Amino acid sequence: MNYLLKKLLIILNQRIIKKLVKMSVPKTQKEVLITLSLKLDSLAETNKKIAKDQFQMSCDFSNYVNKQDLKNAEILGYLESNNKTNQKGAIEQIKENKEEIEYLKTRNSIKNAERTLLVIIGGFLSSLIAYVIKLFF
């Protein structure tokens, strides 16, 4: 950024000098010195303004970074577990939720298999009872 400001100042200085050359040429050295002095004062004021603007921009950026650091710390507070308060962070909670979901899926599959087996056994027993009844009656 400093490099760009220096380049800008050089370009401004060159333009001011070109304008001075284009203006009516004073006849005496005193007039030349007075004109250059006025232009240099104007240039110094411009440089001061640019310096103030740059300082304000750096202050604004610093404030922005400080606020962003606070936001980032808050986000990390939600993501990471806190051992002091025994509060689980989002990442750890997601991991535990995945494990519980897998456990529930497995348990559900086992229950479905048990029900299917009971239906098959029940069907077999019903068929067997019906066969026995047909044989004796």
N, C-alpha and C. Protein backbone atom coordinates (compact mmCIF):
# COMPACT_ATOMS: atom_id res chain seq x y z
N MET A 1 0.83 -1.18 0.00
CA MET A 1 0.00 0.00 0.00
C MET A 1 0.88 1.25 0.00
N ASN A 2 1.96 1.23 0.79
CA ASN A 2 2.87 2.37 0.81
C ASN A 2 3.46 2.61 -0.56
N TYR A 3 3.77 1.54 -1.25
CA TYR A 3 4.35 1.66 -2.59
C TYR A 3 3.39 2.39 -3.52
N LEU A 4 2.11 2.04 -3.42
CA LEU A 4 1.11 2.69 -4.28
C LEU A 4 0.98 4.17 -3.94
N LEU A 5 1.03 4.50 -2.66
CA LEU A 5 0.93 5.91 -2.26
C LEU A 5 2.14 6.70 -2.76
N LYS A 6 3.32 6.09 -2.68
CA LYS A 6 4.52 6.77 -3.16
C LYS A 6 4.42 7.02 -4.66
N LYS A 7 3.94 6.02 -5.40
CA LYS A 7 3.77 6.17 -6.84
C LYS A 7 2.78 7.29 -7.14
N LEU A 8 1.68 7.33 -6.36
CA LEU A 8 0.67 8.36 -6.55
C LEU A 8 1.25 9.75 -6.30
N LEU A 9 2.05 9.87 -5.25
CA LEU A 9 2.68 11.16 -4.95
C LEU A 9 3.64 11.59 -6.07
N ILE A 10 4.38 10.64 -6.59
CA ILE A 10 5.31 10.96 -7.69
C ILE A 10 4.54 11.45 -8.90
N ILE A 11 3.46 10.76 -9.22
CA ILE A 11 2.64 11.17 -10.38
C ILE A 11 2.05 12.56 -10.15
N LEU A 12 1.55 12.80 -8.93
CA LEU A 12 0.99 14.12 -8.61
C LEU A 12 2.06 15.21 -8.73
N ASN A 13 3.24 14.93 -8.22
CA ASN A 13 4.33 15.91 -8.31
C ASN A 13 4.67 16.22 -9.77
N GLN A 14 4.71 15.18 -10.58
CA GLN A 14 5.03 15.38 -12.00
C GLN A 14 3.96 16.22 -12.69
N ARG A 15 2.71 15.97 -12.37
CA ARG A 15 1.62 16.73 -12.99
C ARG A 15 1.65 18.20 -12.57
N ILE A 16 1.97 18.42 -11.30
CA ILE A 16 2.04 19.81 -10.82
C ILE A 16 3.18 20.55 -11.53
N ILE A 17 4.31 19.88 -11.67
CA ILE A 17 5.46 20.51 -12.35
C ILE A 17 5.10 20.81 -13.80
N LYS A 18 4.40 19.89 -14.46
CA LYS A 18 4.00 20.12 -15.85
C LYS A 18 3.06 21.32 -15.94
N LYS A 19 2.15 21.43 -14.98
CA LYS A 19 1.24 22.58 -15.00
C LYS A 19 2.00 23.89 -14.77
N LEU A 20 3.01 23.83 -13.91
CA LEU A 20 3.81 25.03 -13.67
C LEU A 20 4.52 25.48 -14.94
N VAL A 21 5.02 24.51 -15.67
CA VAL A 21 5.74 24.83 -16.89
C VAL A 21 4.79 25.43 -17.92
N LYS A 22 3.56 24.92 -18.00
CA LYS A 22 2.58 25.41 -18.96
C LYS A 22 2.08 26.80 -18.60
N MET A 23 2.08 27.13 -17.30
CA MET A 23 1.60 28.45 -16.88
C MET A 23 2.52 29.54 -17.42
N SER A 24 2.02 30.74 -17.29
CA SER A 24 2.84 31.86 -17.77
C SER A 24 4.15 31.89 -17.00
N VAL A 25 5.22 32.02 -17.71
CA VAL A 25 6.54 31.97 -17.12
C VAL A 25 6.84 33.31 -16.45
N PRO A 26 7.13 33.31 -15.14
CA PRO A 26 7.47 34.56 -14.46
C PRO A 26 8.80 35.11 -15.00
N LYS A 27 8.95 36.38 -14.82
CA LYS A 27 10.11 37.03 -15.42
C LYS A 27 11.31 37.07 -14.49
N THR A 28 11.09 37.02 -13.24
CA THR A 28 12.23 37.12 -12.33
C THR A 28 12.36 35.85 -11.49
N GLN A 29 13.54 35.69 -10.92
CA GLN A 29 13.78 34.52 -10.08
C GLN A 29 12.90 34.57 -8.83
N LYS A 30 12.66 35.77 -8.35
CA LYS A 30 11.82 35.95 -7.17
C LYS A 30 10.42 35.44 -7.44
N GLU A 31 9.87 35.77 -8.60
CA GLU A 31 8.54 35.30 -8.96
C GLU A 31 8.51 33.78 -9.12
N VAL A 32 9.58 33.23 -9.68
CA VAL A 32 9.68 31.78 -9.83
C VAL A 32 9.70 31.12 -8.44
N LEU A 33 10.48 31.66 -7.53
CA LEU A 33 10.58 31.10 -6.18
C LEU A 33 9.25 31.20 -5.44
N ILE A 34 8.58 32.32 -5.58
CA ILE A 34 7.28 32.49 -4.91
C ILE A 34 6.27 31.48 -5.46
N THR A 35 6.25 31.34 -6.78
CA THR A 35 5.31 30.40 -7.42
C THR A 35 5.61 28.97 -6.97
N LEU A 36 6.89 28.59 -6.97
CA LEU A 36 7.27 27.24 -6.53
C LEU A 36 6.95 27.04 -5.05
N SER A 37 7.15 28.06 -4.25
CA SER A 37 6.85 27.97 -2.83
C SER A 37 5.36 27.72 -2.62
N LEU A 38 4.53 28.43 -3.35
CA LEU A 38 3.08 28.23 -3.23
C LEU A 38 2.68 26.82 -3.65
N LYS A 39 3.28 26.36 -4.73
CA LYS A 39 2.95 25.02 -5.23
C LYS A 39 3.43 23.94 -4.25
N LEU A 40 4.61 24.16 -3.67
CA LEU A 40 5.13 23.20 -2.70
C LEU A 40 4.27 23.16 -1.44
N ASP A 41 3.78 24.33 -1.03
CA ASP A 41 2.87 24.36 0.12
C ASP A 41 1.60 23.58 -0.19
N SER A 42 1.10 23.78 -1.39
CA SER A 42 -0.10 23.05 -1.82
C SER A 42 0.17 21.54 -1.85
N LEU A 43 1.33 21.19 -2.34
CA LEU A 43 1.72 19.79 -2.40
C LEU A 43 1.87 19.20 -1.00
N ALA A 44 2.45 19.97 -0.08
CA ALA A 44 2.62 19.51 1.30
C ALA A 44 1.26 19.27 1.95
N GLU A 45 0.31 20.15 1.68
CA GLU A 45 -1.04 19.97 2.23
C GLU A 45 -1.68 18.70 1.66
N THR A 46 -1.48 18.47 0.38
CA THR A 46 -2.01 17.26 -0.24
C THR A 46 -1.38 16.02 0.39
N ASN A 47 -0.08 16.07 0.61
CA ASN A 47 0.61 14.94 1.24
C ASN A 47 0.10 14.71 2.66
N LYS A 48 -0.14 15.78 3.40
CA LYS A 48 -0.67 15.66 4.77
C LYS A 48 -2.05 15.00 4.74
N LYS A 49 -2.87 15.42 3.79
CA LYS A 49 -4.21 14.85 3.68
C LYS A 49 -4.13 13.36 3.35
N ILE A 50 -3.25 13.02 2.42
CA ILE A 50 -3.08 11.61 2.07
C ILE A 50 -2.59 10.81 3.27
N ALA A 51 -1.67 11.37 4.03
CA ALA A 51 -1.14 10.70 5.23
C ALA A 51 -2.25 10.50 6.27
N LYS A 52 -3.09 11.52 6.47
CA LYS A 52 -4.20 11.39 7.42
C LYS A 52 -5.18 10.32 6.96
N ASP A 53 -5.48 10.33 5.67
CA ASP A 53 -6.40 9.32 5.14
C ASP A 53 -5.83 7.91 5.31
N GLN A 54 -4.53 7.78 5.05
CA GLN A 54 -3.90 6.47 5.20
C GLN A 54 -3.92 6.03 6.66
N PHE A 55 -3.66 6.95 7.57
CA PHE A 55 -3.70 6.64 9.00
C PHE A 55 -5.11 6.20 9.40
N GLN A 56 -6.13 6.92 8.92
CA GLN A 56 -7.52 6.57 9.25
C GLN A 56 -7.88 5.19 8.70
N MET A 57 -7.42 4.91 7.48
CA MET A 57 -7.69 3.60 6.89
C MET A 57 -7.03 2.48 7.70
N SER A 58 -5.81 2.72 8.17
CA SER A 58 -5.13 1.69 8.96
C SER A 58 -5.83 1.49 10.31
N CYS A 59 -6.34 2.58 10.90
CA CYS A 59 -7.09 2.46 12.16
C CYS A 59 -8.39 1.67 11.93
N ASP A 60 -9.09 1.99 10.86
CA ASP A 60 -10.33 1.28 10.54
C ASP A 60 -10.07 -0.20 10.31
N PHE A 61 -8.99 -0.50 9.60
CA PHE A 61 -8.65 -1.89 9.33
C PHE A 61 -8.29 -2.62 10.62
N SER A 62 -7.56 -1.96 11.49
CA SER A 62 -7.18 -2.56 12.77
C SER A 62 -8.44 -2.86 13.60
N ASN A 63 -9.37 -1.92 13.63
CA ASN A 63 -10.63 -2.15 14.36
C ASN A 63 -11.40 -3.33 13.76
N TYR A 64 -11.42 -3.40 12.44
CA TYR A 64 -12.11 -4.51 11.77
C TYR A 64 -11.48 -5.85 12.15
N VAL A 65 -10.15 -5.91 12.13
CA VAL A 65 -9.46 -7.16 12.47
C VAL A 65 -9.75 -7.54 13.92
N ASN A 66 -9.75 -6.56 14.83
CA ASN A 66 -10.03 -6.85 16.23
C ASN A 66 -11.44 -7.40 16.41
N LYS A 67 -12.41 -6.80 15.72
CA LYS A 67 -13.78 -7.30 15.80
C LYS A 67 -13.88 -8.70 15.20
N GLN A 68 -13.17 -8.92 14.11
CA GLN A 68 -13.20 -10.24 13.45
C GLN A 68 -12.60 -11.29 14.37
N ASP A 69 -11.54 -10.94 15.11
CA ASP A 69 -10.94 -11.88 16.06
C ASP A 69 -11.95 -12.30 17.12
N LEU A 70 -12.75 -11.34 17.60
CA LEU A 70 -13.77 -11.66 18.60
C LEU A 70 -14.82 -12.60 18.02
N LYS A 71 -15.23 -12.33 16.78
CA LYS A 71 -16.22 -13.20 16.13
C LYS A 71 -15.66 -14.60 15.94
N ASN A 72 -14.40 -14.68 15.51
CA ASN A 72 -13.78 -15.99 15.31
C ASN A 72 -13.68 -16.76 16.62
N ALA A 73 -13.35 -16.07 17.70
CA ALA A 73 -13.27 -16.73 19.01
C ALA A 73 -14.64 -17.25 19.43
N GLU A 74 -15.68 -16.48 19.15
CA GLU A 74 -17.04 -16.90 19.50
C GLU A 74 -17.43 -18.14 18.69
N ILE A 75 -17.10 -18.14 17.41
CA ILE A 75 -17.41 -19.30 16.56
C ILE A 75 -16.66 -20.54 17.05
N LEU A 76 -15.39 -20.37 17.40
CA LEU A 76 -14.62 -21.50 17.94
C LEU A 76 -15.24 -22.01 19.23
N GLY A 77 -15.80 -21.10 20.02
CA GLY A 77 -16.47 -21.51 21.26
C GLY A 77 -17.63 -22.45 20.99
N TYR A 78 -18.32 -22.24 19.88
CA TYR A 78 -19.43 -23.14 19.53
C TYR A 78 -18.92 -24.45 18.94
N LEU A 79 -17.83 -24.40 18.21
CA LEU A 79 -17.34 -25.60 17.53
C LEU A 79 -16.57 -26.53 18.44
N GLU A 80 -15.77 -25.98 19.35
CA GLU A 80 -14.90 -26.80 20.19
C GLU A 80 -15.53 -27.07 21.54
N SER A 81 -15.19 -28.21 22.12
CA SER A 81 -15.70 -28.57 23.44
C SER A 81 -15.02 -27.73 24.51
N ASN A 82 -15.75 -27.49 25.60
CA ASN A 82 -15.21 -26.72 26.71
C ASN A 82 -15.12 -27.63 27.92
N ASN A 83 -13.89 -27.97 28.32
CA ASN A 83 -13.70 -28.89 29.44
C ASN A 83 -14.09 -28.26 30.77
N LYS A 84 -13.98 -26.96 30.88
CA LYS A 84 -14.30 -26.28 32.15
C LYS A 84 -15.79 -26.38 32.47
N THR A 85 -16.64 -26.25 31.43
CA THR A 85 -18.09 -26.29 31.64
C THR A 85 -18.70 -27.63 31.25
N ASN A 86 -17.87 -28.54 30.79
CA ASN A 86 -18.32 -29.86 30.32
C ASN A 86 -19.37 -29.73 29.22
N GLN A 87 -19.25 -28.69 28.44
CA GLN A 87 -20.17 -28.49 27.32
C GLN A 87 -19.51 -29.01 26.04
N LYS A 88 -20.26 -29.80 25.31
CA LYS A 88 -19.73 -30.38 24.08
C LYS A 88 -19.84 -29.37 22.95
N GLY A 89 -18.80 -29.34 22.14
CA GLY A 89 -18.84 -28.49 20.96
C GLY A 89 -19.61 -29.16 19.84
N ALA A 90 -19.91 -28.40 18.82
CA ALA A 90 -20.72 -28.91 17.71
C ALA A 90 -20.04 -30.09 17.03
N ILE A 91 -18.74 -30.04 16.87
CA ILE A 91 -18.03 -31.11 16.17
C ILE A 91 -18.12 -32.42 16.96
N GLU A 92 -17.86 -32.35 18.27
CA GLU A 92 -17.94 -33.56 19.09
C GLU A 92 -19.38 -34.08 19.16
N GLN A 93 -20.34 -33.16 19.23
CA GLN A 93 -21.75 -33.55 19.29
C GLN A 93 -22.18 -34.24 18.00
N ILE A 94 -21.71 -33.76 16.87
CA ILE A 94 -22.04 -34.40 15.58
C ILE A 94 -21.47 -35.81 15.53
N LYS A 95 -20.25 -35.97 16.02
CA LYS A 95 -19.63 -37.30 16.04
C LYS A 95 -20.45 -38.26 16.89
N GLU A 96 -20.86 -37.81 18.07
CA GLU A 96 -21.66 -38.67 18.95
C GLU A 96 -23.02 -38.97 18.32
N ASN A 97 -23.62 -37.97 17.67
CA ASN A 97 -24.92 -38.18 17.02
C ASN A 97 -24.81 -39.23 15.91
N LYS A 98 -23.72 -39.18 15.15
CA LYS A 98 -23.52 -40.17 14.08
C LYS A 98 -23.42 -41.58 14.69
N GLU A 99 -22.68 -41.71 15.79
CA GLU A 99 -22.53 -43.01 16.43
C GLU A 99 -23.89 -43.52 16.94
N GLU A 100 -24.68 -42.62 17.53
CA GLU A 100 -26.00 -43.02 18.04
C GLU A 100 -26.93 -43.42 16.89
N ILE A 101 -26.87 -42.71 15.79
CA ILE A 101 -27.71 -43.03 14.63
C ILE A 101 -27.33 -44.40 14.09
N GLU A 102 -26.05 -44.68 13.99
CA GLU A 102 -25.61 -46.01 13.52
C GLU A 102 -26.09 -47.10 14.47
N TYR A 103 -26.00 -46.83 15.77
CA TYR A 103 -26.46 -47.81 16.77
C TYR A 103 -27.96 -48.06 16.61
N LEU A 104 -28.73 -46.97 16.44
CA LEU A 104 -30.18 -47.11 16.29
C LEU A 104 -30.54 -47.85 14.99
N LYS A 105 -29.81 -47.57 13.92
CA LYS A 105 -30.05 -48.29 12.66
C LYS A 105 -29.80 -49.79 12.84
N THR A 106 -28.70 -50.11 13.49
CA THR A 106 -28.36 -51.52 13.72
C THR A 106 -29.42 -52.19 14.58
N ARG A 107 -29.81 -51.51 15.65
CA ARG A 107 -30.83 -52.06 16.56
C ARG A 107 -32.16 -52.26 15.83
N ASN A 108 -32.51 -51.32 14.99
CA ASN A 108 -33.74 -51.41 14.22
C ASN A 108 -33.69 -52.59 13.25
N SER A 109 -32.53 -52.79 12.63
CA SER A 109 -32.37 -53.92 11.71
C SER A 109 -32.50 -55.25 12.45
N ILE A 110 -31.92 -55.31 13.63
CA ILE A 110 -32.00 -56.55 14.44
C ILE A 110 -33.45 -56.82 14.83
N LYS A 111 -34.19 -55.78 15.24
CA LYS A 111 -35.59 -55.98 15.62
C LYS A 111 -36.41 -56.44 14.42
N ASN A 112 -36.14 -55.85 13.26
CA ASN A 112 -36.85 -56.28 12.05
C ASN A 112 -36.55 -57.74 11.74
N ALA A 113 -35.29 -58.16 11.91
CA ALA A 113 -34.92 -59.55 11.67
C ALA A 113 -35.62 -60.47 12.68
N GLU A 114 -35.70 -60.03 13.94
CA GLU A 114 -36.39 -60.83 14.96
C GLU A 114 -37.86 -61.01 14.61
N ARG A 115 -38.51 -59.91 14.19
CA ARG A 115 -39.93 -59.97 13.81
C ARG A 115 -40.12 -60.93 12.63
N THR A 116 -39.24 -60.81 11.65
CA THR A 116 -39.34 -61.69 10.48
C THR A 116 -39.19 -63.15 10.90
N LEU A 117 -38.25 -63.42 11.77
CA LEU A 117 -38.03 -64.79 12.26
C LEU A 117 -39.26 -65.28 13.02
N LEU A 118 -39.86 -64.42 13.86
CA LEU A 118 -41.06 -64.81 14.60
C LEU A 118 -42.22 -65.10 13.64
N VAL A 119 -42.35 -64.31 12.59
CA VAL A 119 -43.41 -64.54 11.61
C VAL A 119 -43.20 -65.89 10.91
N ILE A 120 -41.95 -66.16 10.55
CA ILE A 120 -41.64 -67.43 9.89
C ILE A 120 -41.93 -68.60 10.83
N ILE A 121 -41.49 -68.47 12.09
CA ILE A 121 -41.73 -69.54 13.07
C ILE A 121 -43.23 -69.69 13.31
N GLY A 122 -43.92 -68.54 13.45
CA GLY A 122 -45.38 -68.59 13.65
C GLY A 122 -46.07 -69.24 12.47
N GLY A 123 -45.66 -68.90 11.26
CA GLY A 123 -46.25 -69.53 10.07
C GLY A 123 -45.99 -71.02 10.03
N PHE A 124 -44.77 -71.41 10.40
CA PHE A 124 -44.42 -72.83 10.42
C PHE A 124 -45.26 -73.58 11.44
N LEU A 125 -45.37 -72.98 12.66
CA LEU A 125 -46.15 -73.63 13.72
C LEU A 125 -47.62 -73.72 13.33
N SER A 126 -48.13 -72.64 12.71
CA SER A 126 -49.54 -72.67 12.28
C SER A 126 -49.75 -73.76 11.24
N SER A 127 -48.85 -73.86 10.30
CA SER A 127 -48.95 -74.91 9.27
C SER A 127 -48.86 -76.28 9.91
N LEU A 128 -47.95 -76.44 10.87
CA LEU A 128 -47.78 -77.72 11.55
C LEU A 128 -49.04 -78.10 12.32
N ILE A 129 -49.63 -77.15 13.03
CA ILE A 129 -50.85 -77.41 13.80
C ILE A 129 -51.99 -77.76 12.84
N ALA A 130 -52.08 -77.01 11.74
CA ALA A 130 -53.13 -77.30 10.77
C ALA A 130 -52.94 -78.69 10.18
N TYR A 131 -51.73 -79.12 9.92
CA TYR A 131 -51.44 -80.44 9.38
C TYR A 131 -51.81 -81.52 10.39
N VAL A 132 -51.46 -81.28 11.66
CA VAL A 132 -51.77 -82.26 12.70
C VAL A 132 -53.27 -82.38 12.87
N ILE A 133 -53.98 -81.29 12.82
CA ILE A 133 -55.44 -81.32 12.97
C ILE A 133 -56.05 -82.10 11.79
N LYS A 134 -55.53 -81.91 10.59
CA LYS A 134 -56.06 -82.63 9.43
C LYS A 134 -55.81 -84.14 9.57
N LEU A 135 -54.65 -84.49 10.12
CA LEU A 135 -54.34 -85.89 10.29
C LEU A 135 -55.27 -86.59 11.29
N PHE A 136 -55.57 -85.94 12.38
CA PHE A 136 -56.35 -86.57 13.45
C PHE A 136 -57.85 -86.32 13.30
N PHE A 137 -58.26 -85.43 12.53
CA PHE A 137 -59.69 -85.16 12.44
C PHE A 137 -60.17 -85.28 11.07
